Amino acid sequence: MIADDHPLLRSGIAAVLSADPRFAVVAEACDGDLALELYQRFRPDVTLMDLQMPGLNGIDATIAIRDINPQARIIILTTYGGEVQVARGLKAGASGYILKNMARTELSHYILSVHAGQQQLAPQLACSLASSFQQDTLSKREIQVLRVIADGNSNQRAGTQLGLSEDTIKAHMKTILQKLDARDRTHAVMIAMRRGYWEA
């Protein structure tokens, strides 16, 4: 089954897989809710799941499908390669996490490997995820502070919005810069977005 809200991409993947006698596309879903419904109806061997979809997103749809069938094999297929998203996808129960810009021969390999019971992670994502474990992760409060700062707010305005003192915001920003090894606020926001904190 293919779950993706972009019809052109969905039909393209379906065409590639249907041309290979090893695969049969049994269902296509344009959102997470339909993916859940179609999974229950068709029970596909492997599901390709986009992350950002209307209604139920890919993470929640993966969790819901795995609640129905803990053995369900789901591959997250997305454009989002931040380690936070990768970690969330794997934690949700996905058997693989790959990017949409991969070659179609690689896609076939990943599907067959996951069908055989293996876990698959694109090499560049594995490296990114491994390096992230060596870095300090931001707390929920630190992410809140950085999001408010990213909107162009001063420490004082950020404190007012979050119900914190200006000194507390300053302390949080100092910790954030250290954790992200960032030069300044703008650099910290860029790093946080690249690592996927905005979708966390």
N, C-alpha and C. Protein backbone atom coordinates (compact mmCIF):
# COMPACT_ATOMS: atom_id res chain seq x y z
N MET A 1 0.84 -1.18 0.00
CA MET A 1 0.00 0.00 0.00
C MET A 1 0.88 1.25 0.00
N ILE A 2 0.42 2.27 -0.72
CA ILE A 2 1.14 3.55 -0.75
C ILE A 2 0.24 4.62 -0.14
N ALA A 3 0.73 5.32 0.88
CA ALA A 3 -0.02 6.40 1.50
C ALA A 3 0.77 7.70 1.32
N ASP A 4 0.26 8.59 0.48
CA ASP A 4 0.92 9.86 0.19
C ASP A 4 -0.13 10.83 -0.34
N ASP A 5 -0.06 12.09 0.09
CA ASP A 5 -1.09 13.05 -0.33
C ASP A 5 -0.80 13.71 -1.68
N HIS A 6 0.35 13.39 -2.30
CA HIS A 6 0.66 13.94 -3.62
C HIS A 6 0.30 12.90 -4.69
N PRO A 7 -0.77 13.14 -5.46
CA PRO A 7 -1.24 12.15 -6.42
C PRO A 7 -0.20 11.76 -7.47
N LEU A 8 0.59 12.74 -7.94
CA LEU A 8 1.58 12.46 -8.96
C LEU A 8 2.67 11.53 -8.43
N LEU A 9 3.15 11.82 -7.24
CA LEU A 9 4.17 10.98 -6.62
C LEU A 9 3.62 9.58 -6.34
N ARG A 10 2.41 9.54 -5.82
CA ARG A 10 1.77 8.27 -5.49
C ARG A 10 1.62 7.39 -6.73
N SER A 11 1.13 7.99 -7.81
CA SER A 11 0.93 7.22 -9.04
C SER A 11 2.27 6.82 -9.66
N GLY A 12 3.29 7.69 -9.49
CA GLY A 12 4.62 7.37 -10.00
C GLY A 12 5.22 6.16 -9.30
N ILE A 13 5.12 6.13 -7.98
CA ILE A 13 5.63 4.99 -7.20
C ILE A 13 4.86 3.73 -7.56
N ALA A 14 3.53 3.86 -7.69
CA ALA A 14 2.68 2.72 -8.04
C ALA A 14 3.07 2.16 -9.40
N ALA A 15 3.35 3.05 -10.37
CA ALA A 15 3.74 2.61 -11.72
C ALA A 15 5.06 1.86 -11.70
N VAL A 16 6.03 2.40 -10.94
CA VAL A 16 7.35 1.76 -10.83
C VAL A 16 7.22 0.37 -10.22
N LEU A 17 6.46 0.26 -9.13
CA LEU A 17 6.32 -1.02 -8.44
C LEU A 17 5.49 -2.02 -9.25
N SER A 18 4.45 -1.53 -9.91
CA SER A 18 3.59 -2.42 -10.70
C SER A 18 4.32 -3.02 -11.90
N ALA A 19 5.36 -2.32 -12.37
CA ALA A 19 6.14 -2.82 -13.51
C ALA A 19 7.07 -3.96 -13.10
N ASP A 20 7.21 -4.17 -11.80
CA ASP A 20 8.08 -5.23 -11.27
C ASP A 20 7.19 -6.40 -10.83
N PRO A 21 7.38 -7.58 -11.40
CA PRO A 21 6.51 -8.73 -11.07
C PRO A 21 6.56 -9.16 -9.60
N ARG A 22 7.56 -8.67 -8.87
CA ARG A 22 7.66 -9.03 -7.44
C ARG A 22 6.69 -8.25 -6.57
N PHE A 23 6.09 -7.19 -7.14
CA PHE A 23 5.22 -6.32 -6.34
C PHE A 23 3.82 -6.20 -6.92
N ALA A 24 2.87 -5.98 -6.04
CA ALA A 24 1.49 -5.66 -6.45
C ALA A 24 1.01 -4.56 -5.52
N VAL A 25 0.60 -3.42 -6.09
CA VAL A 25 0.07 -2.33 -5.28
C VAL A 25 -1.42 -2.61 -5.06
N VAL A 26 -1.79 -2.90 -3.82
CA VAL A 26 -3.18 -3.30 -3.53
C VAL A 26 -4.05 -2.12 -3.12
N ALA A 27 -3.42 -1.01 -2.69
CA ALA A 27 -4.22 0.15 -2.25
C ALA A 27 -3.37 1.41 -2.28
N GLU A 28 -4.05 2.55 -2.49
CA GLU A 28 -3.42 3.87 -2.44
C GLU A 28 -4.27 4.77 -1.57
N ALA A 29 -3.61 5.50 -0.65
CA ALA A 29 -4.33 6.40 0.26
C ALA A 29 -3.77 7.80 0.13
N CYS A 30 -4.67 8.80 0.18
CA CYS A 30 -4.25 10.20 0.05
C CYS A 30 -4.10 10.88 1.40
N ASP A 31 -4.45 10.18 2.49
CA ASP A 31 -4.27 10.73 3.83
C ASP A 31 -4.17 9.60 4.84
N GLY A 32 -3.82 9.97 6.07
CA GLY A 32 -3.61 8.96 7.11
C GLY A 32 -4.87 8.21 7.52
N ASP A 33 -6.01 8.90 7.51
CA ASP A 33 -7.26 8.24 7.89
C ASP A 33 -7.63 7.15 6.89
N LEU A 34 -7.48 7.47 5.58
CA LEU A 34 -7.78 6.49 4.55
C LEU A 34 -6.77 5.34 4.58
N ALA A 35 -5.52 5.67 4.91
CA ALA A 35 -4.48 4.63 5.02
C ALA A 35 -4.87 3.61 6.08
N LEU A 36 -5.37 4.09 7.19
CA LEU A 36 -5.80 3.20 8.28
C LEU A 36 -6.97 2.33 7.83
N GLU A 37 -7.94 2.96 7.16
CA GLU A 37 -9.12 2.23 6.67
C GLU A 37 -8.72 1.17 5.63
N LEU A 38 -7.86 1.56 4.69
CA LEU A 38 -7.45 0.63 3.64
C LEU A 38 -6.55 -0.48 4.18
N TYR A 39 -5.76 -0.16 5.21
CA TYR A 39 -4.93 -1.20 5.81
C TYR A 39 -5.82 -2.30 6.38
N GLN A 40 -6.88 -1.89 7.09
CA GLN A 40 -7.79 -2.87 7.69
C GLN A 40 -8.47 -3.73 6.63
N ARG A 41 -8.74 -3.11 5.46
CA ARG A 41 -9.43 -3.83 4.40
C ARG A 41 -8.51 -4.77 3.63
N PHE A 42 -7.29 -4.32 3.31
CA PHE A 42 -6.42 -5.09 2.42
C PHE A 42 -5.27 -5.82 3.11
N ARG A 43 -4.91 -5.39 4.32
CA ARG A 43 -3.80 -5.99 5.06
C ARG A 43 -2.56 -6.19 4.17
N PRO A 44 -2.01 -5.10 3.62
CA PRO A 44 -0.84 -5.23 2.74
C PRO A 44 0.37 -5.76 3.50
N ASP A 45 1.27 -6.41 2.75
CA ASP A 45 2.50 -6.95 3.37
C ASP A 45 3.42 -5.82 3.82
N VAL A 46 3.49 -4.76 3.01
CA VAL A 46 4.34 -3.61 3.32
C VAL A 46 3.57 -2.34 2.97
N THR A 47 3.67 -1.33 3.83
CA THR A 47 3.04 -0.03 3.58
C THR A 47 4.11 1.05 3.47
N LEU A 48 4.04 1.84 2.39
CA LEU A 48 4.89 3.03 2.26
C LEU A 48 4.09 4.21 2.80
N MET A 49 4.62 4.90 3.79
CA MET A 49 3.87 5.92 4.52
C MET A 49 4.57 7.28 4.47
N ASP A 50 3.88 8.28 3.92
CA ASP A 50 4.40 9.64 3.94
C ASP A 50 4.23 10.19 5.36
N LEU A 51 5.03 11.19 5.73
CA LEU A 51 4.94 11.78 7.07
C LEU A 51 3.85 12.85 7.16
N GLN A 52 3.92 13.84 6.25
CA GLN A 52 3.00 14.97 6.31
C GLN A 52 1.81 14.74 5.39
N MET A 53 0.67 14.44 5.97
CA MET A 53 -0.57 14.22 5.21
C MET A 53 -1.73 14.89 5.94
N PRO A 54 -2.81 15.21 5.20
CA PRO A 54 -3.99 15.78 5.86
C PRO A 54 -4.58 14.78 6.85
N GLY A 55 -5.31 15.29 7.83
CA GLY A 55 -5.92 14.41 8.83
C GLY A 55 -4.86 13.75 9.67
N LEU A 56 -4.92 12.44 9.74
CA LEU A 56 -3.95 11.66 10.52
C LEU A 56 -2.59 11.73 9.82
N ASN A 57 -1.56 12.20 10.53
CA ASN A 57 -0.24 12.26 9.89
C ASN A 57 0.39 10.86 9.87
N GLY A 58 1.54 10.76 9.19
CA GLY A 58 2.18 9.46 9.00
C GLY A 58 2.59 8.76 10.28
N ILE A 59 3.06 9.54 11.25
CA ILE A 59 3.46 8.95 12.54
C ILE A 59 2.25 8.36 13.25
N ASP A 60 1.16 9.14 13.35
CA ASP A 60 -0.04 8.67 14.05
C ASP A 60 -0.69 7.50 13.30
N ALA A 61 -0.67 7.55 11.96
CA ALA A 61 -1.22 6.46 11.17
C ALA A 61 -0.41 5.18 11.39
N THR A 62 0.91 5.32 11.48
CA THR A 62 1.78 4.17 11.74
C THR A 62 1.46 3.55 13.10
N ILE A 63 1.32 4.41 14.11
CA ILE A 63 0.98 3.92 15.46
C ILE A 63 -0.36 3.20 15.45
N ALA A 64 -1.36 3.79 14.75
CA ALA A 64 -2.71 3.20 14.70
C ALA A 64 -2.70 1.85 13.99
N ILE A 65 -1.95 1.76 12.89
CA ILE A 65 -1.87 0.49 12.16
C ILE A 65 -1.16 -0.57 12.99
N ARG A 66 -0.09 -0.17 13.68
CA ARG A 66 0.64 -1.12 14.52
C ARG A 66 -0.19 -1.56 15.73
N ASP A 67 -1.14 -0.72 16.14
CA ASP A 67 -2.07 -1.13 17.21
C ASP A 67 -2.98 -2.25 16.72
N ILE A 68 -3.38 -2.15 15.45
CA ILE A 68 -4.23 -3.18 14.83
C ILE A 68 -3.44 -4.46 14.62
N ASN A 69 -2.22 -4.30 14.09
CA ASN A 69 -1.36 -5.45 13.80
C ASN A 69 0.08 -5.12 14.17
N PRO A 70 0.53 -5.59 15.32
CA PRO A 70 1.90 -5.29 15.77
C PRO A 70 2.98 -5.79 14.81
N GLN A 71 2.61 -6.70 13.90
CA GLN A 71 3.57 -7.23 12.93
C GLN A 71 3.58 -6.43 11.62
N ALA A 72 2.75 -5.39 11.53
CA ALA A 72 2.66 -4.60 10.29
C ALA A 72 4.03 -4.03 9.93
N ARG A 73 4.36 -4.15 8.65
CA ARG A 73 5.65 -3.63 8.17
C ARG A 73 5.41 -2.33 7.43
N ILE A 74 5.92 -1.24 8.01
CA ILE A 74 5.69 0.10 7.46
C ILE A 74 7.03 0.78 7.21
N ILE A 75 7.15 1.37 6.03
CA ILE A 75 8.34 2.16 5.68
C ILE A 75 7.92 3.62 5.55
N ILE A 76 8.54 4.49 6.34
CA ILE A 76 8.30 5.92 6.19
C ILE A 76 9.05 6.37 4.95
N LEU A 77 8.32 6.96 3.99
CA LEU A 77 8.91 7.45 2.75
C LEU A 77 8.60 8.95 2.68
N THR A 78 9.62 9.78 2.87
CA THR A 78 9.37 11.20 3.08
C THR A 78 10.51 12.08 2.55
N THR A 79 10.28 13.37 2.54
CA THR A 79 11.34 14.33 2.19
C THR A 79 12.04 14.83 3.45
N TYR A 80 11.48 14.51 4.64
CA TYR A 80 12.02 15.02 5.90
C TYR A 80 13.07 14.08 6.47
N GLY A 81 14.33 14.58 6.49
CA GLY A 81 15.42 13.73 6.94
C GLY A 81 16.03 14.11 8.28
N GLY A 82 15.38 15.01 9.03
CA GLY A 82 15.90 15.40 10.34
C GLY A 82 15.87 14.23 11.31
N GLU A 83 16.91 14.15 12.17
CA GLU A 83 17.00 12.99 13.05
C GLU A 83 15.86 12.89 14.05
N VAL A 84 15.22 14.03 14.37
CA VAL A 84 14.07 13.99 15.29
C VAL A 84 12.92 13.23 14.63
N GLN A 85 12.67 13.53 13.33
CA GLN A 85 11.61 12.81 12.63
C GLN A 85 11.94 11.32 12.47
N VAL A 86 13.20 11.04 12.16
CA VAL A 86 13.62 9.64 12.00
C VAL A 86 13.38 8.87 13.30
N ALA A 87 13.81 9.46 14.40
CA ALA A 87 13.64 8.81 15.71
C ALA A 87 12.16 8.60 16.03
N ARG A 88 11.32 9.60 15.71
CA ARG A 88 9.89 9.47 15.96
C ARG A 88 9.26 8.38 15.10
N GLY A 89 9.70 8.29 13.84
CA GLY A 89 9.17 7.26 12.95
C GLY A 89 9.51 5.87 13.44
N LEU A 90 10.75 5.67 13.85
CA LEU A 90 11.18 4.36 14.35
C LEU A 90 10.50 4.02 15.67
N LYS A 91 10.34 5.04 16.52
CA LYS A 91 9.66 4.83 17.80
C LYS A 91 8.19 4.46 17.59
N ALA A 92 7.60 5.00 16.52
CA ALA A 92 6.19 4.69 16.21
C ALA A 92 6.01 3.26 15.73
N GLY A 93 7.12 2.62 15.35
CA GLY A 93 7.04 1.22 14.94
C GLY A 93 7.37 0.98 13.48
N ALA A 94 7.82 2.00 12.77
CA ALA A 94 8.19 1.81 11.37
C ALA A 94 9.39 0.87 11.26
N SER A 95 9.37 0.04 10.21
CA SER A 95 10.47 -0.90 9.98
C SER A 95 11.57 -0.27 9.14
N GLY A 96 11.27 0.88 8.55
CA GLY A 96 12.26 1.55 7.72
C GLY A 96 11.94 3.02 7.57
N TYR A 97 12.93 3.79 7.20
CA TYR A 97 12.76 5.24 7.01
C TYR A 97 13.67 5.63 5.86
N ILE A 98 13.07 6.04 4.74
CA ILE A 98 13.86 6.39 3.57
C ILE A 98 13.35 7.69 2.95
N LEU A 99 14.20 8.31 2.16
CA LEU A 99 13.86 9.60 1.55
C LEU A 99 13.35 9.42 0.13
N LYS A 100 12.48 10.32 -0.29
CA LYS A 100 11.84 10.22 -1.60
C LYS A 100 12.79 10.41 -2.77
N ASN A 101 13.95 11.00 -2.53
CA ASN A 101 14.88 11.24 -3.64
C ASN A 101 15.78 10.05 -3.95
N MET A 102 15.50 8.90 -3.34
CA MET A 102 16.33 7.72 -3.59
C MET A 102 16.00 7.11 -4.96
N ALA A 103 16.93 6.35 -5.51
CA ALA A 103 16.73 5.69 -6.80
C ALA A 103 15.68 4.59 -6.65
N ARG A 104 14.94 4.33 -7.75
CA ARG A 104 13.86 3.34 -7.65
C ARG A 104 14.38 1.93 -7.40
N THR A 105 15.61 1.64 -7.85
CA THR A 105 16.18 0.32 -7.57
C THR A 105 16.41 0.15 -6.07
N GLU A 106 16.80 1.24 -5.40
CA GLU A 106 16.98 1.20 -3.95
C GLU A 106 15.66 0.98 -3.25
N LEU A 107 14.60 1.62 -3.76
CA LEU A 107 13.28 1.47 -3.16
C LEU A 107 12.86 0.00 -3.16
N SER A 108 13.06 -0.68 -4.28
CA SER A 108 12.72 -2.10 -4.38
C SER A 108 13.48 -2.90 -3.34
N HIS A 109 14.77 -2.60 -3.21
CA HIS A 109 15.62 -3.30 -2.24
C HIS A 109 15.09 -3.12 -0.81
N TYR A 110 14.73 -1.87 -0.46
CA TYR A 110 14.24 -1.60 0.89
C TYR A 110 12.92 -2.32 1.16
N ILE A 111 12.03 -2.32 0.19
CA ILE A 111 10.73 -2.98 0.38
C ILE A 111 10.93 -4.48 0.60
N LEU A 112 11.75 -5.10 -0.24
CA LEU A 112 12.00 -6.54 -0.11
C LEU A 112 12.66 -6.87 1.22
N SER A 113 13.60 -6.03 1.65
CA SER A 113 14.29 -6.27 2.93
C SER A 113 13.34 -6.17 4.11
N VAL A 114 12.47 -5.14 4.09
CA VAL A 114 11.50 -4.98 5.18
C VAL A 114 10.49 -6.12 5.16
N HIS A 115 10.08 -6.54 3.96
CA HIS A 115 9.16 -7.68 3.84
C HIS A 115 9.78 -8.94 4.44
N ALA A 116 11.10 -9.06 4.33
CA ALA A 116 11.81 -10.23 4.86
C ALA A 116 12.03 -10.12 6.38
N GLY A 117 11.56 -9.02 6.98
CA GLY A 117 11.66 -8.87 8.42
C GLY A 117 12.83 -8.04 8.91
N GLN A 118 13.57 -7.43 7.99
CA GLN A 118 14.70 -6.59 8.39
C GLN A 118 14.26 -5.15 8.61
N GLN A 119 15.08 -4.42 9.35
CA GLN A 119 14.86 -2.98 9.50
C GLN A 119 15.80 -2.26 8.56
N GLN A 120 15.30 -1.20 7.92
CA GLN A 120 16.10 -0.50 6.93
C GLN A 120 16.09 1.00 7.18
N LEU A 121 17.28 1.57 7.10
CA LEU A 121 17.45 3.01 7.27
C LEU A 121 18.45 3.47 6.22
N ALA A 122 18.08 4.51 5.45
CA ALA A 122 19.00 5.03 4.45
C ALA A 122 20.32 5.39 5.13
N PRO A 123 21.47 5.06 4.49
CA PRO A 123 22.78 5.27 5.13
C PRO A 123 23.00 6.69 5.67
N GLN A 124 22.59 7.72 4.89
CA GLN A 124 22.82 9.09 5.35
C GLN A 124 21.99 9.40 6.59
N LEU A 125 20.81 8.76 6.70
CA LEU A 125 19.96 8.97 7.88
C LEU A 125 20.54 8.24 9.08
N ALA A 126 21.11 7.08 8.85
CA ALA A 126 21.73 6.32 9.95
C ALA A 126 22.88 7.11 10.54
N CYS A 127 23.69 7.74 9.68
CA CYS A 127 24.83 8.55 10.15
C CYS A 127 24.33 9.74 10.95
N SER A 128 23.28 10.39 10.42
CA SER A 128 22.72 11.57 11.08
C SER A 128 22.14 11.21 12.44
N LEU A 129 21.43 10.08 12.50
CA LEU A 129 20.81 9.63 13.75
C LEU A 129 21.88 9.25 14.77
N ALA A 130 22.92 8.57 14.31
CA ALA A 130 24.00 8.17 15.21
C ALA A 130 24.70 9.39 15.80
N SER A 131 24.95 10.40 14.97
CA SER A 131 25.64 11.60 15.47
C SER A 131 24.76 12.37 16.44
N SER A 132 23.43 12.29 16.24
CA SER A 132 22.53 13.03 17.12
C SER A 132 22.55 12.48 18.54
N PHE A 133 22.83 11.16 18.67
CA PHE A 133 22.88 10.57 20.00
C PHE A 133 24.10 11.06 20.78
N GLN A 134 25.08 11.59 20.04
CA GLN A 134 26.27 12.12 20.70
C GLN A 134 26.10 13.59 21.06
N GLN A 135 24.99 14.18 20.62
CA GLN A 135 24.73 15.59 20.91
C GLN A 135 23.65 15.70 21.99
N ASP A 136 23.65 16.82 22.68
CA ASP A 136 22.59 17.06 23.65
C ASP A 136 21.31 17.41 22.90
N THR A 137 20.20 16.85 23.34
CA THR A 137 18.92 17.19 22.71
C THR A 137 18.24 18.31 23.49
N LEU A 138 17.44 19.08 22.80
CA LEU A 138 16.73 20.18 23.45
C LEU A 138 15.53 19.66 24.23
N SER A 139 15.27 20.28 25.37
CA SER A 139 14.08 19.93 26.15
C SER A 139 12.85 20.57 25.50
N LYS A 140 11.66 20.15 25.93
CA LYS A 140 10.42 20.73 25.38
C LYS A 140 10.38 22.24 25.63
N ARG A 141 10.80 22.67 26.81
CA ARG A 141 10.80 24.10 27.14
C ARG A 141 11.79 24.86 26.25
N GLU A 142 12.95 24.27 26.02
CA GLU A 142 13.94 24.93 25.16
C GLU A 142 13.43 25.07 23.72
N ILE A 143 12.72 24.05 23.25
CA ILE A 143 12.12 24.12 21.91
C ILE A 143 11.08 25.23 21.86
N GLN A 144 10.27 25.34 22.93
CA GLN A 144 9.26 26.42 23.01
C GLN A 144 9.93 27.79 22.93
N VAL A 145 10.98 27.96 23.72
CA VAL A 145 11.70 29.24 23.75
C VAL A 145 12.26 29.56 22.37
N LEU A 146 12.90 28.58 21.74
CA LEU A 146 13.51 28.82 20.44
C LEU A 146 12.46 29.14 19.36
N ARG A 147 11.31 28.51 19.45
CA ARG A 147 10.24 28.80 18.49
C ARG A 147 9.75 30.24 18.62
N VAL A 148 9.61 30.69 19.86
CA VAL A 148 9.16 32.07 20.09
C VAL A 148 10.23 33.06 19.62
N ILE A 149 11.48 32.75 19.89
CA ILE A 149 12.60 33.59 19.43
C ILE A 149 12.64 33.61 17.89
N ALA A 150 12.36 32.47 17.28
CA ALA A 150 12.38 32.37 15.81
C ALA A 150 11.35 33.28 15.16
N ASP A 151 10.31 33.62 15.90
CA ASP A 151 9.27 34.52 15.38
C ASP A 151 9.70 35.98 15.47
N GLY A 152 10.94 36.24 15.89
CA GLY A 152 11.48 37.60 15.93
C GLY A 152 11.28 38.31 17.25
N ASN A 153 10.95 37.56 18.30
CA ASN A 153 10.72 38.18 19.60
C ASN A 153 12.02 38.39 20.37
N SER A 154 12.06 39.48 21.14
CA SER A 154 13.19 39.74 22.03
C SER A 154 13.06 38.81 23.24
N ASN A 155 14.10 38.76 24.07
CA ASN A 155 14.04 37.96 25.28
C ASN A 155 12.86 38.38 26.16
N GLN A 156 12.65 39.69 26.25
CA GLN A 156 11.57 40.21 27.09
C GLN A 156 10.20 39.77 26.57
N ARG A 157 9.98 39.94 25.25
CA ARG A 157 8.69 39.54 24.67
C ARG A 157 8.49 38.03 24.74
N ALA A 158 9.58 37.28 24.54
CA ALA A 158 9.50 35.82 24.65
C ALA A 158 9.10 35.41 26.06
N GLY A 159 9.69 36.09 27.04
CA GLY A 159 9.35 35.82 28.44
C GLY A 159 7.89 36.10 28.73
N THR A 160 7.38 37.20 28.21
CA THR A 160 5.97 37.57 28.41
C THR A 160 5.06 36.51 27.81
N GLN A 161 5.37 36.06 26.59
CA GLN A 161 4.55 35.06 25.92
C GLN A 161 4.53 33.72 26.65
N LEU A 162 5.68 33.36 27.21
CA LEU A 162 5.79 32.05 27.86
C LEU A 162 5.59 32.09 29.37
N GLY A 163 5.38 33.30 29.91
CA GLY A 163 5.19 33.42 31.35
C GLY A 163 6.47 33.20 32.13
N LEU A 164 7.60 33.59 31.54
CA LEU A 164 8.90 33.43 32.18
C LEU A 164 9.58 34.78 32.29
N SER A 165 10.57 34.87 33.16
CA SER A 165 11.30 36.12 33.29
C SER A 165 12.30 36.26 32.14
N GLU A 166 12.73 37.49 31.89
CA GLU A 166 13.71 37.74 30.83
C GLU A 166 15.01 37.00 31.12
N ASP A 167 15.40 36.97 32.39
CA ASP A 167 16.63 36.26 32.78
C ASP A 167 16.54 34.76 32.50
N THR A 168 15.34 34.20 32.70
CA THR A 168 15.15 32.77 32.44
C THR A 168 15.28 32.49 30.95
N ILE A 169 14.72 33.38 30.12
CA ILE A 169 14.84 33.23 28.66
C ILE A 169 16.31 33.30 28.26
N LYS A 170 17.05 34.26 28.85
CA LYS A 170 18.48 34.39 28.56
C LYS A 170 19.22 33.10 28.92
N ALA A 171 18.88 32.54 30.07
CA ALA A 171 19.54 31.30 30.52
C ALA A 171 19.23 30.14 29.56
N HIS A 172 17.96 30.06 29.13
CA HIS A 172 17.57 29.02 28.18
C HIS A 172 18.33 29.18 26.87
N MET A 173 18.43 30.42 26.38
CA MET A 173 19.11 30.66 25.11
C MET A 173 20.59 30.30 25.20
N LYS A 174 21.20 30.58 26.35
CA LYS A 174 22.62 30.24 26.53
C LYS A 174 22.80 28.72 26.44
N THR A 175 21.90 27.98 27.08
CA THR A 175 21.95 26.51 27.05
C THR A 175 21.70 25.99 25.64
N ILE A 176 20.72 26.59 24.95
CA ILE A 176 20.38 26.17 23.58
C ILE A 176 21.58 26.35 22.65
N LEU A 177 22.23 27.51 22.73
CA LEU A 177 23.40 27.79 21.89
C LEU A 177 24.51 26.77 22.15
N GLN A 178 24.70 26.43 23.43
CA GLN A 178 25.74 25.46 23.78
C GLN A 178 25.38 24.07 23.25
N LYS A 179 24.13 23.65 23.45
CA LYS A 179 23.70 22.31 23.03
C LYS A 179 23.78 22.14 21.52
N LEU A 180 23.40 23.19 20.78
CA LEU A 180 23.39 23.10 19.32
C LEU A 180 24.73 23.52 18.70
N ASP A 181 25.65 23.97 19.56
CA ASP A 181 26.95 24.47 19.07
C ASP A 181 26.71 25.55 18.02
N ALA A 182 25.80 26.47 18.37
CA ALA A 182 25.39 27.53 17.43
C ALA A 182 26.12 28.83 17.74
N ARG A 183 26.36 29.62 16.69
CA ARG A 183 27.06 30.90 16.83
C ARG A 183 26.15 31.97 17.44
N ASP A 184 24.88 31.94 17.03
CA ASP A 184 23.94 32.96 17.49
C ASP A 184 22.52 32.41 17.37
N ARG A 185 21.53 33.26 17.65
CA ARG A 185 20.12 32.83 17.63
C ARG A 185 19.71 32.30 16.26
N THR A 186 20.06 33.06 15.21
CA THR A 186 19.67 32.66 13.85
C THR A 186 20.25 31.30 13.49
N HIS A 187 21.51 31.11 13.84
CA HIS A 187 22.17 29.84 13.58
C HIS A 187 21.48 28.71 14.36
N ALA A 188 21.10 28.99 15.60
CA ALA A 188 20.41 27.99 16.43
C ALA A 188 19.08 27.59 15.80
N VAL A 189 18.33 28.57 15.29
CA VAL A 189 17.04 28.29 14.66
C VAL A 189 17.25 27.42 13.42
N MET A 190 18.26 27.75 12.62
CA MET A 190 18.55 26.97 11.40
C MET A 190 18.91 25.53 11.74
N ILE A 191 19.75 25.34 12.76
CA ILE A 191 20.15 23.99 13.17
C ILE A 191 18.94 23.21 13.67
N ALA A 192 18.12 23.86 14.50
CA ALA A 192 16.93 23.20 15.05
C ALA A 192 15.97 22.76 13.95
N MET A 193 15.79 23.62 12.95
CA MET A 193 14.90 23.27 11.83
C MET A 193 15.46 22.12 11.02
N ARG A 194 16.77 22.15 10.78
CA ARG A 194 17.42 21.08 10.01
C ARG A 194 17.33 19.74 10.74
N ARG A 195 17.45 19.79 12.06
CA ARG A 195 17.39 18.54 12.83
C ARG A 195 15.98 18.05 13.06
N GLY A 196 14.98 18.85 12.68
CA GLY A 196 13.60 18.39 12.75
C GLY A 196 12.85 18.73 14.01
N TYR A 197 13.37 19.65 14.83
CA TYR A 197 12.68 20.00 16.06
C TYR A 197 11.34 20.66 15.82
N TRP A 198 11.18 21.33 14.70
CA TRP A 198 9.93 22.04 14.43
C TRP A 198 8.76 21.07 14.21
N GLU A 199 9.06 19.81 13.81
CA GLU A 199 8.00 18.82 13.63
C GLU A 199 7.87 17.91 14.83
N ALA A 200 8.69 18.16 15.85
CA ALA A 200 8.71 17.26 17.02
C ALA A 200 7.44 17.44 17.84
